[in-house]
């Protein structure tokens, strides 16, 4: 099919993403209804992947596979997050935004940037005319995606079941994969998107390698902005004076799953350099000895 706006669909996907997020922003602003926020983000990935595949119309095997992986991930996450927010009620992230239109708009614009940037690998693959045979990079990427989505799905379901049990009220989740990582869902999400990038590399040439900005942006976002820092701060404020929680935090990796017996015995410098145990993750942890 004919090229739409540009040969890599970058302008097209930017316009579609911005329009989709603005639509849901208007709904949120007018109705004060923020339960569709995560649904809008996750489904936007699906729309971009499917749209670029259909518009290009070449239906190469690699394009179909990567599009399918994004669709599976996006729909699973969208449905899970929508059901969770409908069950739990309002999204606390928006407590300070509901009456501040400017802050709300910034959030939705940032979500549009997130979607467009992270989808860059699949966008460029779907726009490409190149179709080399399946290579080692493809298989490695698909395996990484499989591992990542397995961790993310398991973590989401285990935490949901944990929090729905009345016996666990007021406790932090430390069951299943949460015994090996304080944020196994984020590990899964980061790993699967790096897998999609790896699987896209057989067709990349020249400036197309800049699609690596997608997984880099996601990794930095979750490590330093809206992921781990916010959740670590929240957990430390809730449970920081509980001795068992402090032991859990000291012996459990923040991201990369590891046995507690291994992680707990590693030196602090090694954790900080190689395992993302940054000091600011504990800035809200009360000093020991306080009750």
C-alpha atoms as a PDB file:
ATOM      1  CA  UNK A   1       0.000   0.000   0.000  1.00  0.00           C
ATOM      2  CA  UNK A   2       1.034   3.622  -0.412  1.00  0.00           C
ATOM      3  CA  UNK A   3       3.289   5.310   2.091  1.00  0.00           C
ATOM      4  CA  UNK A   4       1.306   7.247   4.694  1.00  0.00           C
ATOM      5  CA  UNK A   5       2.975  10.556   5.682  1.00  0.00           C
ATOM      6  CA  UNK A   6       6.449   9.009   5.889  1.00  0.00           C
ATOM      7  CA  UNK A   7       8.098   5.759   4.965  1.00  0.00           C
ATOM      8  CA  UNK A   8       8.531   4.587   8.557  1.00  0.00           C
ATOM      9  CA  UNK A   9       5.023   5.531   9.755  1.00  0.00           C
ATOM     10  CA  UNK A  10       6.529   7.747  12.461  1.00  0.00           C
ATOM     11  CA  UNK A  11       4.276  10.727  11.769  1.00  0.00           C
ATOM     12  CA  UNK A  12       1.214   8.532  11.306  1.00  0.00           C
ATOM     13  CA  UNK A  13       1.706   6.710  14.604  1.00  0.00           C
ATOM     14  CA  UNK A  14       2.397  10.007  16.396  1.00  0.00           C
ATOM     15  CA  UNK A  15      -0.861  11.522  15.112  1.00  0.00           C
ATOM     16  CA  UNK A  16      -2.921   8.428  15.899  1.00  0.00           C
ATOM     17  CA  UNK A  17      -1.409   8.076  19.366  1.00  0.00           C
ATOM     18  CA  UNK A  18      -1.884  11.734  20.245  1.00  0.00           C
ATOM     19  CA  UNK A  19      -5.459  11.701  18.976  1.00  0.00           C
ATOM     20  CA  UNK A  20      -6.303   8.521  20.890  1.00  0.00           C
ATOM     21  CA  UNK A  21      -4.878   9.853  24.148  1.00  0.00           C
ATOM     22  CA  UNK A  22      -6.562  13.263  23.714  1.00  0.00           C
ATOM     23  CA  UNK A  23      -9.899  11.483  23.246  1.00  0.00           C
ATOM     24  CA  UNK A  24      -9.553   9.691  26.575  1.00  0.00           C
ATOM     25  CA  UNK A  25      -8.183  12.830  28.228  1.00  0.00           C
ATOM     26  CA  UNK A  26     -11.395  14.655  27.289  1.00  0.00           C
ATOM     27  CA  UNK A  27     -13.483  11.833  28.750  1.00  0.00           C
ATOM     28  CA  UNK A  28     -11.429  11.898  31.957  1.00  0.00           C
ATOM     29  CA  UNK A  29     -11.537  15.694  32.271  1.00  0.00           C
ATOM     30  CA  UNK A  30     -15.255  16.089  31.564  1.00  0.00           C
ATOM     31  CA  UNK A  31     -16.569  13.095  33.489  1.00  0.00           C
ATOM     32  CA  UNK A  32     -13.902  12.967  36.237  1.00  0.00           C
ATOM     33  CA  UNK A  33     -13.594   9.304  35.273  1.00  0.00           C
ATOM     34  CA  UNK A  34     -10.050   7.954  35.465  1.00  0.00           C
ATOM     35  CA  UNK A  35     -10.732   4.222  35.355  1.00  0.00           C
ATOM     36  CA  UNK A  36      -9.898   4.026  31.632  1.00  0.00           C
ATOM     37  CA  UNK A  37      -6.398   5.502  31.875  1.00  0.00           C
ATOM     38  CA  UNK A  38      -4.365   2.286  31.809  1.00  0.00           C
ATOM     39  CA  UNK A  39      -6.816   0.745  29.349  1.00  0.00           C
ATOM     40  CA  UNK A  40      -6.206   3.677  26.977  1.00  0.00           C
ATOM     41  CA  UNK A  41      -2.452   3.267  27.248  1.00  0.00           C
ATOM     42  CA  UNK A  42      -2.349  -0.494  26.730  1.00  0.00           C
ATOM     43  CA  UNK A  43      -4.846  -0.596  23.860  1.00  0.00           C
ATOM     44  CA  UNK A  44      -2.970   2.204  22.091  1.00  0.00           C
ATOM     45  CA  UNK A  45      -0.046  -0.216  21.634  1.00  0.00           C
ATOM     46  CA  UNK A  46      -2.405  -2.704  19.995  1.00  0.00           C
ATOM     47  CA  UNK A  47      -3.825  -0.067  17.658  1.00  0.00           C
ATOM     48  CA  UNK A  48      -0.381   1.105  16.526  1.00  0.00           C
ATOM     49  CA  UNK A  49       0.895  -2.433  15.889  1.00  0.00           C
ATOM     50  CA  UNK A  50      -2.174  -3.593  13.966  1.00  0.00           C
ATOM     51  CA  UNK A  51      -2.580  -0.322  12.035  1.00  0.00           C
ATOM     52  CA  UNK A  52       0.998  -0.273  10.754  1.00  0.00           C
ATOM     53  CA  UNK A  53       0.825  -3.950   9.798  1.00  0.00           C
ATOM     54  CA  UNK A  54      -2.385  -3.453   7.797  1.00  0.00           C
ATOM     55  CA  UNK A  55      -1.322  -0.204   6.122  1.00  0.00           C
ATOM     56  CA  UNK A  56       1.986  -1.651   4.946  1.00  0.00           C
ATOM     57  CA  UNK A  57       0.189  -4.738   3.725  1.00  0.00           C
ATOM     58  CA  UNK A  58       3.269  -6.890   3.117  1.00  0.00           C
ATOM     59  CA  UNK A  59       2.488  -9.357   5.919  1.00  0.00           C
ATOM     60  CA  UNK A  60       6.044 -10.606   6.322  1.00  0.00           C
ATOM     61  CA  UNK A  61       6.409 -13.382   8.892  1.00  0.00           C
ATOM     62  CA  UNK A  62       8.503 -11.202  11.237  1.00  0.00           C
ATOM     63  CA  UNK A  63       5.953  -8.393  11.034  1.00  0.00           C
ATOM     64  CA  UNK A  64       3.070 -10.730  11.852  1.00  0.00           C
ATOM     65  CA  UNK A  65       4.918 -12.308  14.775  1.00  0.00           C
ATOM     66  CA  UNK A  66       5.994  -9.028  16.386  1.00  0.00           C
ATOM     67  CA  UNK A  67       2.555  -7.501  15.874  1.00  0.00           C
ATOM     68  CA  UNK A  68       0.974 -10.570  17.475  1.00  0.00           C
ATOM     69  CA  UNK A  69       3.312 -10.320  20.466  1.00  0.00           C
ATOM     70  CA  UNK A  70       2.369  -6.673  21.017  1.00  0.00           C
ATOM     71  CA  UNK A  71      -1.348  -7.455  20.638  1.00  0.00           C
ATOM     72  CA  UNK A  72      -1.179 -10.327  23.137  1.00  0.00           C
ATOM     73  CA  UNK A  73       0.731  -8.200  25.642  1.00  0.00           C
ATOM     74  CA  UNK A  74      -1.468  -5.127  25.176  1.00  0.00           C
ATOM     75  CA  UNK A  75      -4.832  -6.878  25.411  1.00  0.00           C
ATOM     76  CA  UNK A  76      -3.818  -8.958  28.426  1.00  0.00           C
ATOM     77  CA  UNK A  77      -2.559  -5.911  30.291  1.00  0.00           C
ATOM     78  CA  UNK A  78      -5.494  -3.706  29.257  1.00  0.00           C
ATOM     79  CA  UNK A  79      -8.105  -6.214  30.409  1.00  0.00           C
ATOM     80  CA  UNK A  80      -6.256  -6.981  33.636  1.00  0.00           C
ATOM     81  CA  UNK A  81      -5.774  -3.331  34.574  1.00  0.00           C
ATOM     82  CA  UNK A  82      -9.328  -2.385  33.670  1.00  0.00           C
ATOM     83  CA  UNK A  83     -10.800  -5.207  35.747  1.00  0.00           C
ATOM     84  CA  UNK A  84      -8.501  -4.330  38.650  1.00  0.00           C
ATOM     85  CA  UNK A  85      -9.384  -0.650  38.734  1.00  0.00           C
ATOM     86  CA  UNK A  86     -13.102  -1.411  38.413  1.00  0.00           C
ATOM     87  CA  UNK A  87     -12.757  -3.750  41.383  1.00  0.00           C
ATOM     88  CA  UNK A  88     -10.586  -1.510  43.566  1.00  0.00           C
ATOM     89  CA  UNK A  89     -12.189   1.836  42.732  1.00  0.00           C
ATOM     90  CA  UNK A  90     -10.488   5.152  41.971  1.00  0.00           C
ATOM     91  CA  UNK A  91      -6.923   5.401  40.789  1.00  0.00           C
ATOM     92  CA  UNK A  92      -4.947   7.115  43.574  1.00  0.00           C
ATOM     93  CA  UNK A  93      -2.444   8.477  41.072  1.00  0.00           C
ATOM     94  CA  UNK A  94      -5.071  11.039  40.099  1.00  0.00           C
ATOM     95  CA  UNK A  95      -5.996  12.259  43.566  1.00  0.00           C
ATOM     96  CA  UNK A  96      -4.080  15.510  42.960  1.00  0.00           C
ATOM     97  CA  UNK A  97      -4.966  15.792  39.268  1.00  0.00           C
ATOM     98  CA  UNK A  98      -8.746  15.563  39.158  1.00  0.00           C
ATOM     99  CA  UNK A  99      -9.122  19.256  39.992  1.00  0.00           C
ATOM    100  CA  UNK A 100      -6.012  20.379  38.086  1.00  0.00           C
ATOM    101  CA  UNK A 101      -6.581  20.276  34.339  1.00  0.00           C
ATOM    102  CA  UNK A 102      -2.989  21.239  33.572  1.00  0.00           C
ATOM    103  CA  UNK A 103      -1.449  18.353  35.520  1.00  0.00           C
ATOM    104  CA  UNK A 104      -3.972  15.960  34.006  1.00  0.00           C
ATOM    105  CA  UNK A 105      -3.119  17.124  30.485  1.00  0.00           C
ATOM    106  CA  UNK A 106       0.615  16.696  31.123  1.00  0.00           C
ATOM    107  CA  UNK A 107      -0.009  13.139  32.288  1.00  0.00           C
ATOM    108  CA  UNK A 108      -1.925  12.236  29.130  1.00  0.00           C
ATOM    109  CA  UNK A 109       0.652  13.856  26.850  1.00  0.00           C
ATOM    110  CA  UNK A 110       3.379  11.927  28.626  1.00  0.00           C
ATOM    111  CA  UNK A 111       1.394   8.721  28.162  1.00  0.00           C
ATOM    112  CA  UNK A 112       1.216   9.458  24.419  1.00  0.00           C
ATOM    113  CA  UNK A 113       4.999   9.943  24.316  1.00  0.00           C
ATOM    114  CA  UNK A 114       5.436   6.657  26.207  1.00  0.00           C
ATOM    115  CA  UNK A 115       3.288   4.688  23.773  1.00  0.00           C
ATOM    116  CA  UNK A 116       4.830   6.184  20.629  1.00  0.00           C
ATOM    117  CA  UNK A 117       8.409   5.757  21.826  1.00  0.00           C
ATOM    118  CA  UNK A 118       8.114   2.211  23.162  1.00  0.00           C
ATOM    119  CA  UNK A 119       6.361   0.985  20.005  1.00  0.00           C
ATOM    120  CA  UNK A 120       9.174   2.241  17.741  1.00  0.00           C
ATOM    121  CA  UNK A 121      10.703  -1.223  17.108  1.00  0.00           C
ATOM    122  CA  UNK A 122       7.469  -2.802  15.889  1.00  0.00           C
ATOM    123  CA  UNK A 123       6.519   0.355  13.965  1.00  0.00           C
ATOM    124  CA  UNK A 124       9.764   0.337  11.993  1.00  0.00           C
ATOM    125  CA  UNK A 125       9.615  -3.422  11.406  1.00  0.00           C
ATOM    126  CA  UNK A 126       6.075  -3.160  10.045  1.00  0.00           C
ATOM    127  CA  UNK A 127       7.109  -0.285   7.764  1.00  0.00           C
ATOM    128  CA  UNK A 128      10.135  -2.092   6.330  1.00  0.00           C
ATOM    129  CA  UNK A 129      10.393  -3.729   2.910  1.00  0.00           C
ATOM    130  CA  UNK A 130      13.264  -5.933   4.070  1.00  0.00           C
ATOM    131  CA  UNK A 131      12.415  -9.528   4.913  1.00  0.00           C
ATOM    132  CA  UNK A 132      15.485 -11.613   5.794  1.00  0.00           C
ATOM    133  CA  UNK A 133      14.949 -15.191   6.906  1.00  0.00           C
ATOM    134  CA  UNK A 134      14.483 -15.956  10.595  1.00  0.00           C
ATOM    135  CA  UNK A 135      17.745 -15.435  12.453  1.00  0.00           C
ATOM    136  CA  UNK A 136      19.123 -16.101  15.922  1.00  0.00           C
ATOM    137  CA  UNK A 137      18.141 -12.594  16.999  1.00  0.00           C
ATOM    138  CA  UNK A 138      14.505 -13.334  16.186  1.00  0.00           C
ATOM    139  CA  UNK A 139      14.440 -16.471  18.306  1.00  0.00           C
ATOM    140  CA  UNK A 140      16.310 -14.831  21.189  1.00  0.00           C
ATOM    141  CA  UNK A 141      13.877 -11.906  21.116  1.00  0.00           C
ATOM    142  CA  UNK A 142      10.825 -14.172  21.079  1.00  0.00           C
ATOM    143  CA  UNK A 143      12.209 -16.145  24.022  1.00  0.00           C
ATOM    144  CA  UNK A 144      12.870 -12.911  25.935  1.00  0.00           C
ATOM    145  CA  UNK A 145       9.305 -11.790  25.236  1.00  0.00           C
ATOM    146  CA  UNK A 146       7.951 -15.148  26.450  1.00  0.00           C
ATOM    147  CA  UNK A 147       9.937 -14.963  29.682  1.00  0.00           C
ATOM    148  CA  UNK A 148       8.947 -11.348  30.225  1.00  0.00           C
ATOM    149  CA  UNK A 149       5.215 -11.742  29.714  1.00  0.00           C
ATOM    150  CA  UNK A 150       5.226 -14.881  31.876  1.00  0.00           C
ATOM    151  CA  UNK A 151       6.774 -12.958  34.750  1.00  0.00           C
ATOM    152  CA  UNK A 152       4.478  -9.987  34.280  1.00  0.00           C
ATOM    153  CA  UNK A 153       1.305 -12.060  34.092  1.00  0.00           C
ATOM    154  CA  UNK A 154       2.295 -14.267  37.039  1.00  0.00           C
ATOM    155  CA  UNK A 155       3.222 -11.240  39.152  1.00  0.00           C
ATOM    156  CA  UNK A 156      -0.026  -9.427  38.359  1.00  0.00           C
ATOM    157  CA  UNK A 157      -2.211 -12.425  39.166  1.00  0.00           C
ATOM    158  CA  UNK A 158      -0.327 -13.384  42.317  1.00  0.00           C
ATOM    159  CA  UNK A 159      -0.482  -9.867  43.707  1.00  0.00           C
ATOM    160  CA  UNK A 160      -4.168  -9.536  42.866  1.00  0.00           C
ATOM    161  CA  UNK A 161      -4.956 -12.818  44.644  1.00  0.00           C
ATOM    162  CA  UNK A 162      -2.805 -11.769  47.597  1.00  0.00           C
ATOM    163  CA  UNK A 163      -4.532  -8.413  48.021  1.00  0.00           C
ATOM    164  CA  UNK A 164      -7.997  -9.915  47.586  1.00  0.00           C
ATOM    165  CA  UNK A 165      -7.446 -12.226  50.563  1.00  0.00           C
ATOM    166  CA  UNK A 166      -8.737 -10.768  53.821  1.00  0.00           C
ATOM    167  CA  UNK A 167      -5.887 -12.505  55.660  1.00  0.00           C
ATOM    168  CA  UNK A 168      -3.392 -10.264  53.846  1.00  0.00           C
ATOM    169  CA  UNK A 169      -4.935  -6.894  54.639  1.00  0.00           C
ATOM    170  CA  UNK A 170      -2.220  -4.446  55.563  1.00  0.00           C
ATOM    171  CA  UNK A 171       0.589  -6.691  54.319  1.00  0.00           C
ATOM    172  CA  UNK A 172       3.014  -6.405  51.407  1.00  0.00           C
ATOM    173  CA  UNK A 173       3.039  -9.053  48.698  1.00  0.00           C
ATOM    174  CA  UNK A 174       5.905 -11.528  49.155  1.00  0.00           C
ATOM    175  CA  UNK A 175       4.543 -14.690  47.543  1.00  0.00           C
ATOM    176  CA  UNK A 176       5.313 -16.419  44.259  1.00  0.00           C
ATOM    177  CA  UNK A 177       7.634 -14.417  42.035  1.00  0.00           C
ATOM    178  CA  UNK A 178       7.462 -11.578  44.563  1.00  0.00           C
ATOM    179  CA  UNK A 179       9.824 -13.618  46.745  1.00  0.00           C
ATOM    180  CA  UNK A 180      12.543 -13.096  44.144  1.00  0.00           C
ATOM    181  CA  UNK A 181      11.897  -9.517  43.070  1.00  0.00           C
ATOM    182  CA  UNK A 182      10.197  -6.547  44.694  1.00  0.00           C
ATOM    183  CA  UNK A 183       8.852  -5.566  41.261  1.00  0.00           C
ATOM    184  CA  UNK A 184       8.655  -8.705  39.101  1.00  0.00           C
ATOM    185  CA  UNK A 185       5.901  -7.209  36.940  1.00  0.00           C
ATOM    186  CA  UNK A 186       8.202  -4.368  35.907  1.00  0.00           C
ATOM    187  CA  UNK A 187      11.043  -6.795  35.297  1.00  0.00           C
ATOM    188  CA  UNK A 188       8.727  -8.708  32.959  1.00  0.00           C
ATOM    189  CA  UNK A 189       7.612  -5.597  31.108  1.00  0.00           C
ATOM    190  CA  UNK A 190      11.144  -4.304  30.603  1.00  0.00           C
ATOM    191  CA  UNK A 191      12.445  -7.724  29.538  1.00  0.00           C
ATOM    192  CA  UNK A 192       9.696  -8.378  26.986  1.00  0.00           C
ATOM    193  CA  UNK A 193      10.134  -4.995  25.308  1.00  0.00           C
ATOM    194  CA  UNK A 194      13.879  -5.531  25.076  1.00  0.00           C
ATOM    195  CA  UNK A 195      12.965  -8.870  23.502  1.00  0.00           C
ATOM    196  CA  UNK A 196      10.839  -7.124  20.885  1.00  0.00           C
ATOM    197  CA  UNK A 197      13.749  -4.806  20.124  1.00  0.00           C
ATOM    198  CA  UNK A 198      16.167  -7.740  19.772  1.00  0.00           C
ATOM    199  CA  UNK A 199      13.719  -9.475  17.414  1.00  0.00           C
ATOM    200  CA  UNK A 200      13.533  -6.310  15.297  1.00  0.00           C
ATOM    201  CA  UNK A 201      17.296  -6.022  14.757  1.00  0.00           C
ATOM    202  CA  UNK A 202      17.570  -8.268  11.655  1.00  0.00           C
ATOM    203  CA  UNK A 203      15.862  -5.590   9.548  1.00  0.00           C
ATOM    204  CA  UNK A 204      17.445  -2.467  11.067  1.00  0.00           C
ATOM    205  CA  UNK A 205      19.776  -0.305   9.012  1.00  0.00           C
ATOM    206  CA  UNK A 206      21.424   3.043   9.682  1.00  0.00           C
ATOM    207  CA  UNK A 207      19.283   5.472  11.658  1.00  0.00           C
ATOM    208  CA  UNK A 208      16.660   2.771  12.204  1.00  0.00           C
ATOM    209  CA  UNK A 209      18.811   1.526  15.075  1.00  0.00           C
ATOM    210  CA  UNK A 210      17.498   4.534  17.002  1.00  0.00           C
ATOM    211  CA  UNK A 211      14.435   2.431  17.786  1.00  0.00           C
ATOM    212  CA  UNK A 212      16.522   1.232  20.728  1.00  0.00           C
ATOM    213  CA  UNK A 213      15.254   4.425  22.347  1.00  0.00           C
ATOM    214  CA  UNK A 214      11.981   2.530  22.904  1.00  0.00           C
ATOM    215  CA  UNK A 215      13.199  -0.022  25.462  1.00  0.00           C
ATOM    216  CA  UNK A 216      15.716   2.475  26.876  1.00  0.00           C
ATOM    217  CA  UNK A 217      12.932   4.995  27.508  1.00  0.00           C
ATOM    218  CA  UNK A 218      10.754   2.336  29.159  1.00  0.00           C
ATOM    219  CA  UNK A 219      13.623   1.126  31.357  1.00  0.00           C
ATOM    220  CA  UNK A 220      14.541   4.630  32.505  1.00  0.00           C
ATOM    221  CA  UNK A 221      10.892   5.501  33.091  1.00  0.00           C
ATOM    222  CA  UNK A 222      10.281   2.516  35.361  1.00  0.00           C
ATOM    223  CA  UNK A 223      13.618   2.738  37.171  1.00  0.00           C
ATOM    224  CA  UNK A 224      13.705   6.479  37.806  1.00  0.00           C
ATOM    225  CA  UNK A 225      10.303   8.111  37.303  1.00  0.00           C
ATOM    226  CA  UNK A 226       6.895   6.469  37.564  1.00  0.00           C
ATOM    227  CA  UNK A 227       7.671   2.873  38.460  1.00  0.00           C
ATOM    228  CA  UNK A 228       9.989   1.711  41.199  1.00  0.00           C
ATOM    229  CA  UNK A 229      10.601   5.087  42.941  1.00  0.00           C
ATOM    230  CA  UNK A 230       6.909   5.729  43.597  1.00  0.00           C
ATOM    231  CA  UNK A 231       6.113   2.193  44.744  1.00  0.00           C
ATOM    232  CA  UNK A 232       9.233   1.930  46.917  1.00  0.00           C
ATOM    233  CA  UNK A 233       8.348   5.216  48.601  1.00  0.00           C
ATOM    234  CA  UNK A 234       4.759   4.097  49.197  1.00  0.00           C
ATOM    235  CA  UNK A 235       5.772   0.714  50.629  1.00  0.00           C
ATOM    236  CA  UNK A 236       8.462   2.235  52.867  1.00  0.00           C
ATOM    237  CA  UNK A 237       5.974   4.693  54.352  1.00  0.00           C
ATOM    238  CA  UNK A 238       3.444   1.930  55.023  1.00  0.00           C
ATOM    239  CA  UNK A 239       5.703  -0.842  56.278  1.00  0.00           C
ATOM    240  CA  UNK A 240       9.042   0.797  57.030  1.00  0.00           C
ATOM    241  CA  UNK A 241       8.730   0.259  60.773  1.00  0.00           C
ATOM    242  CA  UNK A 242       7.941  -3.441  60.387  1.00  0.00           C
ATOM    243  CA  UNK A 243      11.043  -5.558  60.987  1.00  0.00           C
ATOM    244  CA  UNK A 244       9.951  -8.327  58.593  1.00  0.00           C
ATOM    245  CA  UNK A 245       9.467  -5.809  55.786  1.00  0.00           C
ATOM    246  CA  UNK A 246      12.937  -4.368  56.301  1.00  0.00           C
ATOM    247  CA  UNK A 247      14.375  -7.872  56.084  1.00  0.00           C
ATOM    248  CA  UNK A 248      12.334  -8.496  52.918  1.00  0.00           C
ATOM    249  CA  UNK A 249      13.670  -5.314  51.344  1.00  0.00           C
ATOM    250  CA  UNK A 250      17.279  -6.082  52.300  1.00  0.00           C
ATOM    251  CA  UNK A 251      17.154  -9.634  50.929  1.00  0.00           C
ATOM    252  CA  UNK A 252      14.961  -9.189  47.853  1.00  0.00           C
ATOM    253  CA  UNK A 253      16.179  -7.787  44.551  1.00  0.00           C
ATOM    254  CA  UNK A 254      14.396  -4.600  43.428  1.00  0.00           C
ATOM    255  CA  UNK A 255      13.998  -5.792  39.836  1.00  0.00           C
ATOM    256  CA  UNK A 256      15.969  -8.777  38.502  1.00  0.00           C
ATOM    257  CA  UNK A 257      14.645 -11.983  40.135  1.00  0.00           C
ATOM    258  CA  UNK A 258      17.181 -13.691  42.382  1.00  0.00           C
ATOM    259  CA  UNK A 259      16.964 -16.094  45.339  1.00  0.00           C
ATOM    260  CA  UNK A 260      16.881 -14.153  48.588  1.00  0.00           C
ATOM    261  CA  UNK A 261      19.751 -16.237  49.942  1.00  0.00           C
ATOM    262  CA  UNK A 262      21.887 -14.981  47.066  1.00  0.00           C
ATOM    263  CA  UNK A 263      20.794 -11.358  46.919  1.00  0.00           C
ATOM    264  CA  UNK A 264      20.896 -10.850  50.685  1.00  0.00           C
ATOM    265  CA  UNK A 265      24.580 -11.760  50.826  1.00  0.00           C
ATOM    266  CA  UNK A 266      25.766  -9.534  48.000  1.00  0.00           C
ATOM    267  CA  UNK A 267      27.722  -6.350  48.847  1.00  0.00           C
ATOM    268  CA  UNK A 268      25.876  -3.052  48.571  1.00  0.00           C
ATOM    269  CA  UNK A 269      28.168  -1.712  45.842  1.00  0.00           C
ATOM    270  CA  UNK A 270      27.422  -4.751  43.660  1.00  0.00           C
ATOM    271  CA  UNK A 271      23.678  -4.347  44.187  1.00  0.00           C
ATOM    272  CA  UNK A 272      23.821  -0.668  43.283  1.00  0.00           C
ATOM    273  CA  UNK A 273      25.939  -1.092  40.144  1.00  0.00           C
ATOM    274  CA  UNK A 274      24.546  -4.309  38.667  1.00  0.00           C
ATOM    275  CA  UNK A 275      21.110  -4.889  40.239  1.00  0.00           C
ATOM    276  CA  UNK A 276      19.589  -1.373  40.349  1.00  0.00           C
ATOM    277  CA  UNK A 277      19.471  -1.101  44.150  1.00  0.00           C
ATOM    278  CA  UNK A 278      19.755   2.676  44.124  1.00  0.00           C
ATOM    279  CA  UNK A 279      19.992   4.536  47.455  1.00  0.00           C
ATOM    280  CA  UNK A 280      17.037   6.789  46.638  1.00  0.00           C
ATOM    281  CA  UNK A 281      14.771   3.734  46.689  1.00  0.00           C
ATOM    282  CA  UNK A 282      15.147   3.836  50.478  1.00  0.00           C
ATOM    283  CA  UNK A 283      14.929   7.571  51.063  1.00  0.00           C
ATOM    284  CA  UNK A 284      11.499   7.178  52.704  1.00  0.00           C
ATOM    285  CA  UNK A 285      12.543   4.260  54.887  1.00  0.00           C
ATOM    286  CA  UNK A 286      12.323   5.310  58.568  1.00  0.00           C
ATOM    287  CA  UNK A 287      15.521   5.012  60.599  1.00  0.00           C
ATOM    288  CA  UNK A 288      15.864   1.692  62.386  1.00  0.00           C
ATOM    289  CA  UNK A 289      14.650   1.591  65.926  1.00  0.00           C
ATOM    290  CA  UNK A 290      11.557   3.737  65.389  1.00  0.00           C
ATOM    291  CA  UNK A 291       8.154   2.282  66.250  1.00  0.00           C
END
